[in-house]
Amino acid sequence: MKIVFMGTPEFAVPCLEACISFEGAEVSAVFTQPDRPSGRGNKLTPPPIKVAAERSGIPVYQPERIKSSEAMESLKILQPDLIVVVAYGQILSQEILELPVHGCINVHASLLPRLRGASPIQWSIVSGETETGVTTMKMSAGLDEGDMLLKEAVELTASVTGGELHDQLMSIGADVLTKTLEAIRDNGLSPEPQIHEIATYAPKIDKKMAEIDWERTADEISAQVRGFDPWPAAVTSYGEIRLKLFKPVVVRLSRDDNSTVAKPGTILDVGKDCFTVKAGQDAVRFYEIQAPGSRRMKVSDYLLGHRLGIGDCLNG
């Protein structure tokens, strides 16, 4: 089975490795995004998938547009039996979808039809899902609307972060893909249509979404902070200082607690290793913080050189 693999970020690397090691398959080419400027020096940096492919001696194609006539001609010459797509970042044309004998399959980091779209890992936490997972599907023209092939679910804990979940699903994705390839080889797939009426969406994240609104409940703020850790990182203002906050813990406030009448955003308490902020309902305690121009650090280290005043107010 001749496979063309399409992917870009680190998340896709274990899936590429799964295709390379799959018995009876040959990864004849990898398509990925062009090298982009990155870092403080704006140095041209290859995508992680390109690095992984070149390490294995696999030819790499980097078209600006996968729908271009040049890219299509390359695919026709390659004549893949299957195209595997994992976080590629470009939409495939109907002509490409119909090119391989076994079609195009996608590894998506959610339990479809929930959380279709660009950022399912972060939004599974931010939106308060109790479980998420990985779905393989046969690709169609609609956004993540294709028939589902295999799924694996994971429970979301009250402390998991976007970064931790990314790494967990990255590993699970490779396992689910391997099982999907086995089913394709053995003609054992039973595609399941998605119920479009219950679909939810996970839009692309921008930094504005990371602003903390202290009027929201403590549970919602905790989910936002954890989901956007490490990027783009939930932010708030302390006077003129922009602070990124991490490691939240929800603090329940009893009705007879005087803190319940405090304005949302008020710093209720400052301990040796944490500080607590009033939310629209209950409060949130934070254990890690990052100031402009500084590294992320424990609150205990931050307090050695900075002040956080009880009664002061944070503004989103």
Foldseek 3Di string as FASTA:
>chain_A
DEEEEAAFAPLCLLQVVLQCPFPPYDDQEYEAAAFFQDDPVRDGHGTPNVVSCVVVPHHYHHDNACPDPVNVVVCLVSQGQEYEYEHRPHADDPCQQPRHVNGYKYKDWFDPLEAFEDQSLLCCLLVPPQKTWIWMFHDDNDGPQGFTWDIDMDGDDLFAASVNSSVVRSVVSNVRSSVSVVCVVVVNTDTHGGPVVPGYHDYDDDPVQQEDDQLDAQSNRSSSQRSCVPPPARWWDQDPWIKGFHRKDFAADDPPDPCLPADRQFFADDDQFWTWTHGSHGIIITQWMDTPPGDIDGVNVVVVPDDDDGGGGIGD
